[in-house]
Amino acid sequence: MAGGPCSYETSVITAIVTEVDEDGALFEGDDGEFWVSDEYLGSLPEVGETLTLKRDQITEGTCTPEMYWVVDADTSDQD
């Protein structure tokens, strides 16, 4: 984070990997294409793999604009 105080909107995205290089991966999701840096992915995925990501997108302040975490596919609150 660069500076604060900051506010983020959190969303969960399921997307397919369409391209991978040493710096990260390009994904195709419901809202179009987006790039995720390798620093957020841990290990690089394979092209064609489907991942579920949690995205924090800045809504207020001057902190990091977007942050990603790979999460388990089941993000529901079902018992």
PDB file of N, CA and C in Angstrom:
ATOM      1  N   MET A   1       0.831  -1.185   0.000  1.00  0.00           N
ATOM      2  CA  MET A   1       0.000   0.000   0.000  1.00  0.00           C
ATOM      3  C   MET A   1       0.875   1.248   0.000  1.00  0.00           C
ATOM      4  N   ALA A   2       0.471   2.253  -0.755  1.00  0.00           N
ATOM      5  CA  ALA A   2       1.271   3.454  -0.910  1.00  0.00           C
ATOM      6  C   ALA A   2       0.988   4.503   0.158  1.00  0.00           C
ATOM      7  N   GLY A   3      -0.250   4.710   0.514  1.00  0.00           N
ATOM      8  CA  GLY A   3      -0.605   5.717   1.504  1.00  0.00           C
ATOM      9  C   GLY A   3      -2.047   5.578   1.900  1.00  0.00           C
ATOM     10  N   GLY A   4      -2.425   6.177   2.993  1.00  0.00           N
ATOM     11  CA  GLY A   4      -3.790   5.977   3.444  1.00  0.00           C
ATOM     12  C   GLY A   4      -4.348   7.256   4.016  1.00  0.00           C
ATOM     13  N   PRO A   5      -5.532   7.279   4.567  1.00  0.00           N
ATOM     14  CA  PRO A   5      -6.426   6.122   4.664  1.00  0.00           C
ATOM     15  C   PRO A   5      -7.099   5.812   3.321  1.00  0.00           C
ATOM     16  N   CYS A   6      -7.365   4.554   3.101  1.00  0.00           N
ATOM     17  CA  CYS A   6      -7.943   4.118   1.836  1.00  0.00           C
ATOM     18  C   CYS A   6      -9.143   3.216   2.074  1.00  0.00           C
ATOM     19  N   SER A   7     -10.039   3.200   1.102  1.00  0.00           N
ATOM     20  CA  SER A   7     -11.195   2.308   1.127  1.00  0.00           C
ATOM     21  C   SER A   7     -11.163   1.446  -0.126  1.00  0.00           C
ATOM     22  N   TYR A   8     -11.598   0.200   0.030  1.00  0.00           N
ATOM     23  CA  TYR A   8     -11.609  -0.747  -1.080  1.00  0.00           C
ATOM     24  C   TYR A   8     -12.978  -1.384  -1.222  1.00  0.00           C
ATOM     25  N   GLU A   9     -13.317  -1.744  -2.451  1.00  0.00           N
ATOM     26  CA  GLU A   9     -14.485  -2.570  -2.738  1.00  0.00           C
ATOM     27  C   GLU A   9     -13.960  -3.970  -3.019  1.00  0.00           C
ATOM     28  N   THR A  10     -14.500  -4.958  -2.324  1.00  0.00           N
ATOM     29  CA  THR A  10     -14.046  -6.339  -2.472  1.00  0.00           C
ATOM     30  C   THR A  10     -15.030  -7.120  -3.332  1.00  0.00           C
ATOM     31  N   SER A  11     -14.491  -7.894  -4.264  1.00  0.00           N
ATOM     32  CA  SER A  11     -15.324  -8.767  -5.091  1.00  0.00           C
ATOM     33  C   SER A  11     -14.627 -10.107  -5.265  1.00  0.00           C
ATOM     34  N   VAL A  12     -15.407 -11.124  -5.591  1.00  0.00           N
ATOM     35  CA  VAL A  12     -14.873 -12.452  -5.875  1.00  0.00           C
ATOM     36  C   VAL A  12     -15.143 -12.741  -7.347  1.00  0.00           C
ATOM     37  N   ILE A  13     -14.086 -13.114  -8.062  1.00  0.00           N
ATOM     38  CA  ILE A  13     -14.147 -13.291  -9.510  1.00  0.00           C
ATOM     39  C   ILE A  13     -13.688 -14.700  -9.867  1.00  0.00           C
ATOM     40  N   THR A  14     -14.451 -15.394 -10.688  1.00  0.00           N
ATOM     41  CA  THR A  14     -14.004 -16.662 -11.255  1.00  0.00           C
ATOM     42  C   THR A  14     -13.654 -16.393 -12.710  1.00  0.00           C
ATOM     43  N   ALA A  15     -12.425 -16.752 -13.097  1.00  0.00           N
ATOM     44  CA  ALA A  15     -11.952 -16.412 -14.438  1.00  0.00           C
ATOM     45  C   ALA A  15     -11.041 -17.503 -14.987  1.00  0.00           C
ATOM     46  N   ILE A  16     -10.918 -17.529 -16.307  1.00  0.00           N
ATOM     47  CA  ILE A  16     -10.088 -18.511 -17.010  1.00  0.00           C
ATOM     48  C   ILE A  16      -8.778 -17.848 -17.425  1.00  0.00           C
ATOM     49  N   VAL A  17      -7.680 -18.550 -17.222  1.00  0.00           N
ATOM     50  CA  VAL A  17      -6.360 -18.070 -17.627  1.00  0.00           C
ATOM     51  C   VAL A  17      -6.250 -18.183 -19.146  1.00  0.00           C
ATOM     52  N   THR A  18      -5.949 -17.061 -19.813  1.00  0.00           N
ATOM     53  CA  THR A  18      -5.830 -17.068 -21.272  1.00  0.00           C
ATOM     54  C   THR A  18      -4.392 -16.903 -21.754  1.00  0.00           C
ATOM     55  N   GLU A  19      -3.522 -16.407 -20.877  1.00  0.00           N
ATOM     56  CA  GLU A  19      -2.121 -16.195 -21.254  1.00  0.00           C
ATOM     57  C   GLU A  19      -1.280 -16.148 -19.985  1.00  0.00           C
ATOM     58  N   VAL A  20      -0.066 -16.694 -20.054  1.00  0.00           N
ATOM     59  CA  VAL A  20       0.840 -16.693 -18.904  1.00  0.00           C
ATOM     60  C   VAL A  20       2.239 -16.324 -19.384  1.00  0.00           C
ATOM     61  N   ASP A  21       2.922 -15.464 -18.636  1.00  0.00           N
ATOM     62  CA  ASP A  21       4.353 -15.253 -18.853  1.00  0.00           C
ATOM     63  C   ASP A  21       5.026 -15.162 -17.489  1.00  0.00           C
ATOM     64  N   GLU A  22       6.313 -14.855 -17.455  1.00  0.00           N
ATOM     65  CA  GLU A  22       7.050 -14.896 -16.188  1.00  0.00           C
ATOM     66  C   GLU A  22       6.602 -13.824 -15.200  1.00  0.00           C
ATOM     67  N   ASP A  23       5.834 -12.819 -15.661  1.00  0.00           N
ATOM     68  CA  ASP A  23       5.406 -11.724 -14.797  1.00  0.00           C
ATOM     69  C   ASP A  23       3.991 -11.870 -14.252  1.00  0.00           C
ATOM     70  N   GLY A  24       3.212 -12.832 -14.768  1.00  0.00           N
ATOM     71  CA  GLY A  24       1.845 -12.985 -14.308  1.00  0.00           C
ATOM     72  C   GLY A  24       0.967 -13.669 -15.332  1.00  0.00           C
ATOM     73  N   ALA A  25      -0.342 -13.420 -15.217  1.00  0.00           N
ATOM     74  CA  ALA A  25      -1.298 -14.107 -16.085  1.00  0.00           C
ATOM     75  C   ALA A  25      -2.428 -13.172 -16.501  1.00  0.00           C
ATOM     76  N   LEU A  26      -2.915 -13.392 -17.710  1.00  0.00           N
ATOM     77  CA  LEU A  26      -4.073 -12.691 -18.240  1.00  0.00           C
ATOM     78  C   LEU A  26      -5.283 -13.590 -18.042  1.00  0.00           C
ATOM     79  N   PHE A  27      -6.358 -13.016 -17.521  1.00  0.00           N
ATOM     80  CA  PHE A  27      -7.578 -13.758 -17.223  1.00  0.00           C
ATOM     81  C   PHE A  27      -8.735 -13.206 -18.032  1.00  0.00           C
ATOM     82  N   GLU A  28      -9.724 -14.065 -18.314  1.00  0.00           N
ATOM     83  CA  GLU A  28     -10.981 -13.665 -18.933  1.00  0.00           C
ATOM     84  C   GLU A  28     -12.085 -14.009 -17.946  1.00  0.00           C
ATOM     85  N   GLY A  29     -12.800 -12.966 -17.492  1.00  0.00           N
ATOM     86  CA  GLY A  29     -13.890 -13.153 -16.545  1.00  0.00           C
ATOM     87  C   GLY A  29     -15.166 -12.526 -17.069  1.00  0.00           C
ATOM     88  N   ASP A  30     -16.195 -12.491 -16.239  1.00  0.00           N
ATOM     89  CA  ASP A  30     -17.484 -11.928 -16.637  1.00  0.00           C
ATOM     90  C   ASP A  30     -17.389 -10.463 -17.058  1.00  0.00           C
ATOM     91  N   ASP A  31     -16.435  -9.716 -16.477  1.00  0.00           N
ATOM     92  CA  ASP A  31     -16.283  -8.292 -16.786  1.00  0.00           C
ATOM     93  C   ASP A  31     -15.170  -8.023 -17.788  1.00  0.00           C
ATOM     94  N   GLY A  32     -14.714  -9.050 -18.506  1.00  0.00           N
ATOM     95  CA  GLY A  32     -13.676  -8.875 -19.514  1.00  0.00           C
ATOM     96  C   GLY A  32     -12.315  -9.361 -19.057  1.00  0.00           C
ATOM     97  N   GLU A  33     -11.278  -8.908 -19.769  1.00  0.00           N
ATOM     98  CA  GLU A  33      -9.914  -9.341 -19.485  1.00  0.00           C
ATOM     99  C   GLU A  33      -9.296  -8.503 -18.371  1.00  0.00           C
ATOM    100  N   PHE A  34      -8.428  -9.146 -17.580  1.00  0.00           N
ATOM    101  CA  PHE A  34      -7.656  -8.423 -16.579  1.00  0.00           C
ATOM    102  C   PHE A  34      -6.362  -9.171 -16.312  1.00  0.00           C
ATOM    103  N   TRP A  35      -5.337  -8.421 -15.944  1.00  0.00           N
ATOM    104  CA  TRP A  35      -3.993  -8.936 -15.697  1.00  0.00           C
ATOM    105  C   TRP A  35      -3.757  -9.043 -14.198  1.00  0.00           C
ATOM    106  N   VAL A  36      -3.145 -10.159 -13.764  1.00  0.00           N
ATOM    107  CA  VAL A  36      -2.763 -10.333 -12.361  1.00  0.00           C
ATOM    108  C   VAL A  36      -1.275 -10.637 -12.314  1.00  0.00           C
ATOM    109  N   SER A  37      -0.547  -9.824 -11.574  1.00  0.00           N
ATOM    110  CA  SER A  37       0.896  -9.987 -11.420  1.00  0.00           C
ATOM    111  C   SER A  37       1.222 -11.276 -10.676  1.00  0.00           C
ATOM    112  N   ASP A  38       2.389 -11.842 -10.981  1.00  0.00           N
ATOM    113  CA  ASP A  38       2.821 -13.071 -10.309  1.00  0.00           C
ATOM    114  C   ASP A  38       2.943 -12.897  -8.805  1.00  0.00           C
ATOM    115  N   GLU A  39       3.167 -11.682  -8.305  1.00  0.00           N
ATOM    116  CA  GLU A  39       3.287 -11.465  -6.863  1.00  0.00           C
ATOM    117  C   GLU A  39       1.992 -11.804  -6.126  1.00  0.00           C
ATOM    118  N   TYR A  40       0.849 -11.740  -6.810  1.00  0.00           N
ATOM    119  CA  TYR A  40      -0.437 -12.081  -6.200  1.00  0.00           C
ATOM    120  C   TYR A  40      -0.816 -13.544  -6.399  1.00  0.00           C
ATOM    121  N   LEU A  41      -0.193 -14.207  -7.355  1.00  0.00           N
ATOM    122  CA  LEU A  41      -0.592 -15.570  -7.710  1.00  0.00           C
ATOM    123  C   LEU A  41       0.160 -16.652  -6.947  1.00  0.00           C
ATOM    124  N   GLY A  42       1.312 -16.348  -6.404  1.00  0.00           N
ATOM    125  CA  GLY A  42       2.123 -17.384  -5.760  1.00  0.00           C
ATOM    126  C   GLY A  42       2.853 -18.181  -6.819  1.00  0.00           C
ATOM    127  N   SER A  43       2.210 -19.193  -7.364  1.00  0.00           N
ATOM    128  CA  SER A  43       2.773 -19.938  -8.493  1.00  0.00           C
ATOM    129  C   SER A  43       1.933 -19.616  -9.726  1.00  0.00           C
ATOM    130  N   LEU A  44       2.578 -19.616 -10.876  1.00  0.00           N
ATOM    131  CA  LEU A  44       1.868 -19.267 -12.105  1.00  0.00           C
ATOM    132  C   LEU A  44       0.922 -20.384 -12.526  1.00  0.00           C
ATOM    133  N   PRO A  45      -0.309 -20.039 -12.906  1.00  0.00           N
ATOM    134  CA  PRO A  45      -1.271 -21.050 -13.354  1.00  0.00           C
ATOM    135  C   PRO A  45      -0.986 -21.480 -14.788  1.00  0.00           C
ATOM    136  N   GLU A  46      -1.716 -22.481 -15.241  1.00  0.00           N
ATOM    137  CA  GLU A  46      -1.636 -22.971 -16.623  1.00  0.00           C
ATOM    138  C   GLU A  46      -2.716 -22.292 -17.459  1.00  0.00           C
ATOM    139  N   VAL A  47      -2.435 -22.070 -18.742  1.00  0.00           N
ATOM    140  CA  VAL A  47      -3.451 -21.562 -19.664  1.00  0.00           C
ATOM    141  C   VAL A  47      -4.617 -22.550 -19.678  1.00  0.00           C
ATOM    142  N   GLY A  48      -5.833 -22.035 -19.588  1.00  0.00           N
ATOM    143  CA  GLY A  48      -7.030 -22.868 -19.555  1.00  0.00           C
ATOM    144  C   GLY A  48      -7.520 -23.170 -18.151  1.00  0.00           C
ATOM    145  N   GLU A  49      -6.689 -22.934 -17.155  1.00  0.00           N
ATOM    146  CA  GLU A  49      -7.065 -23.178 -15.762  1.00  0.00           C
ATOM    147  C   GLU A  49      -8.078 -22.125 -15.317  1.00  0.00           C
ATOM    148  N   THR A  50      -9.032 -22.524 -14.487  1.00  0.00           N
ATOM    149  CA  THR A  50     -10.011 -21.602 -13.919  1.00  0.00           C
ATOM    150  C   THR A  50      -9.646 -21.349 -12.465  1.00  0.00           C
ATOM    151  N   LEU A  51      -9.524 -20.076 -12.106  1.00  0.00           N
ATOM    152  CA  LEU A  51      -9.202 -19.699 -10.731  1.00  0.00           C
ATOM    153  C   LEU A  51     -10.282 -18.787 -10.181  1.00  0.00           C
ATOM    154  N   THR A  52     -10.466 -18.842  -8.876  1.00  0.00           N
ATOM    155  CA  THR A  52     -11.325 -17.901  -8.183  1.00  0.00           C
ATOM    156  C   THR A  52     -10.419 -16.945  -7.429  1.00  0.00           C
ATOM    157  N   LEU A  53     -10.622 -15.661  -7.663  1.00  0.00           N
ATOM    158  CA  LEU A  53      -9.780 -14.623  -7.081  1.00  0.00           C
ATOM    159  C   LEU A  53     -10.618 -13.652  -6.268  1.00  0.00           C
ATOM    160  N   LYS A  54     -10.068 -13.209  -5.150  1.00  0.00           N
ATOM    161  CA  LYS A  54     -10.660 -12.101  -4.407  1.00  0.00           C
ATOM    162  C   LYS A  54      -9.925 -10.849  -4.851  1.00  0.00           C
ATOM    163  N   ARG A  55     -10.678  -9.817  -5.259  1.00  0.00           N
ATOM    164  CA  ARG A  55     -10.066  -8.568  -5.709  1.00  0.00           C
ATOM    165  C   ARG A  55     -10.506  -7.425  -4.806  1.00  0.00           C
ATOM    166  N   ASP A  56      -9.538  -6.682  -4.285  1.00  0.00           N
ATOM    167  CA  ASP A  56      -9.798  -5.426  -3.594  1.00  0.00           C
ATOM    168  C   ASP A  56      -9.452  -4.311  -4.565  1.00  0.00           C
ATOM    169  N   GLN A  57     -10.443  -3.492  -4.911  1.00  0.00           N
ATOM    170  CA  GLN A  57     -10.249  -2.396  -5.857  1.00  0.00           C
ATOM    171  C   GLN A  57     -10.483  -1.084  -5.111  1.00  0.00           C
ATOM    172  N   ILE A  58      -9.518  -0.167  -5.208  1.00  0.00           N
ATOM    173  CA  ILE A  58      -9.574   1.074  -4.435  1.00  0.00           C
ATOM    174  C   ILE A  58     -10.771   1.926  -4.845  1.00  0.00           C
ATOM    175  N   THR A  59     -11.433   2.514  -3.843  1.00  0.00           N
ATOM    176  CA  THR A  59     -12.535   3.435  -4.093  1.00  0.00           C
ATOM    177  C   THR A  59     -12.237   4.810  -3.513  1.00  0.00           C
ATOM    178  N   GLU A  60     -11.246   4.877  -2.593  1.00  0.00           N
ATOM    179  CA  GLU A  60     -10.915   6.145  -1.953  1.00  0.00           C
ATOM    180  C   GLU A  60      -9.484   6.104  -1.439  1.00  0.00           C
ATOM    181  N   GLY A  61      -8.726   7.180  -1.657  1.00  0.00           N
ATOM    182  CA  GLY A  61      -7.356   7.257  -1.159  1.00  0.00           C
ATOM    183  C   GLY A  61      -6.336   7.055  -2.264  1.00  0.00           C
ATOM    184  N   THR A  62      -5.062   6.898  -1.852  1.00  0.00           N
ATOM    185  CA  THR A  62      -3.961   6.773  -2.815  1.00  0.00           C
ATOM    186  C   THR A  62      -3.139   5.512  -2.575  1.00  0.00           C
ATOM    187  N   CYS A  63      -3.766   4.457  -2.105  1.00  0.00           N
ATOM    188  CA  CYS A  63      -3.084   3.179  -1.857  1.00  0.00           C
ATOM    189  C   CYS A  63      -2.980   2.379  -3.159  1.00  0.00           C
ATOM    190  N   THR A  64      -2.510   1.149  -3.058  1.00  0.00           N
ATOM    191  CA  THR A  64      -2.423   0.245  -4.202  1.00  0.00           C
ATOM    192  C   THR A  64      -3.800   0.143  -4.864  1.00  0.00           C
ATOM    193  N   PRO A  65      -3.906   0.402  -6.190  1.00  0.00           N
ATOM    194  CA  PRO A  65      -5.210   0.435  -6.861  1.00  0.00           C
ATOM    195  C   PRO A  65      -5.981  -0.883  -6.840  1.00  0.00           C
ATOM    196  N   GLU A  66      -5.277  -2.009  -7.026  1.00  0.00           N
ATOM    197  CA  GLU A  66      -5.922  -3.324  -7.016  1.00  0.00           C
ATOM    198  C   GLU A  66      -5.009  -4.325  -6.341  1.00  0.00           C
ATOM    199  N   MET A  67      -5.620  -5.219  -5.571  1.00  0.00           N
ATOM    200  CA  MET A  67      -4.884  -6.323  -4.954  1.00  0.00           C
ATOM    201  C   MET A  67      -5.690  -7.591  -5.162  1.00  0.00           C
ATOM    202  N   TYR A  68      -4.990  -8.713  -5.375  1.00  0.00           N
ATOM    203  CA  TYR A  68      -5.647  -9.989  -5.651  1.00  0.00           C
ATOM    204  C   TYR A  68      -5.155 -11.068  -4.702  1.00  0.00           C
ATOM    205  N   TRP A  69      -6.035 -12.034  -4.403  1.00  0.00           N
ATOM    206  CA  TRP A  69      -5.698 -13.247  -3.664  1.00  0.00           C
ATOM    207  C   TRP A  69      -6.400 -14.413  -4.338  1.00  0.00           C
ATOM    208  N   VAL A  70      -5.696 -15.520  -4.503  1.00  0.00           N
ATOM    209  CA  VAL A  70      -6.319 -16.742  -5.013  1.00  0.00           C
ATOM    210  C   VAL A  70      -7.073 -17.368  -3.851  1.00  0.00           C
ATOM    211  N   VAL A  71      -8.341 -17.712  -4.077  1.00  0.00           N
ATOM    212  CA  VAL A  71      -9.173 -18.308  -3.031  1.00  0.00           C
ATOM    213  C   VAL A  71      -9.733 -19.635  -3.515  1.00  0.00           C
ATOM    214  N   ASP A  72     -10.280 -20.415  -2.589  1.00  0.00           N
ATOM    215  CA  ASP A  72     -10.936 -21.668  -2.952  1.00  0.00           C
ATOM    216  C   ASP A  72     -12.145 -21.366  -3.821  1.00  0.00           C
ATOM    217  N   ALA A  73     -12.475 -22.292  -4.689  1.00  0.00           N
ATOM    218  CA  ALA A  73     -13.584 -22.104  -5.621  1.00  0.00           C
ATOM    219  C   ALA A  73     -14.917 -21.930  -4.908  1.00  0.00           C
ATOM    220  N   ASP A  74     -15.115 -22.575  -3.754  1.00  0.00           N
ATOM    221  CA  ASP A  74     -16.382 -22.489  -3.030  1.00  0.00           C
ATOM    222  C   ASP A  74     -16.334 -21.299  -2.086  1.00  0.00           C
ATOM    223  N   THR A  75     -16.946 -20.185  -2.494  1.00  0.00           N
ATOM    224  CA  THR A  75     -16.968 -18.986  -1.664  1.00  0.00           C
ATOM    225  C   THR A  75     -18.365 -18.721  -1.114  1.00  0.00           C
ATOM    226  N   SER A  76     -19.253 -19.697  -1.214  1.00  0.00           N
ATOM    227  CA  SER A  76     -20.625 -19.512  -0.755  1.00  0.00           C
ATOM    228  C   SER A  76     -20.705 -19.638   0.759  1.00  0.00           C
ATOM    229  N   ASP A  77     -21.827 -19.174   1.296  1.00  0.00           N
ATOM    230  CA  ASP A  77     -22.071 -19.273   2.736  1.00  0.00           C
ATOM    231  C   ASP A  77     -23.000 -20.433   3.069  1.00  0.00           C
ATOM    232  N   GLN A  78     -23.116 -21.384   2.161  1.00  0.00           N
ATOM    233  CA  GLN A  78     -24.016 -22.509   2.384  1.00  0.00           C
ATOM    234  C   GLN A  78     -23.461 -23.431   3.453  1.00  0.00           C
ATOM    235  N   ASP A  79     -24.380 -24.021   4.241  1.00  0.00           N
ATOM    236  CA  ASP A  79     -23.974 -24.972   5.296  1.00  0.00           C
ATOM    237  C   ASP A  79     -23.789 -26.356   4.735  1.00  0.00           C
TER     238      ASP A  79
END
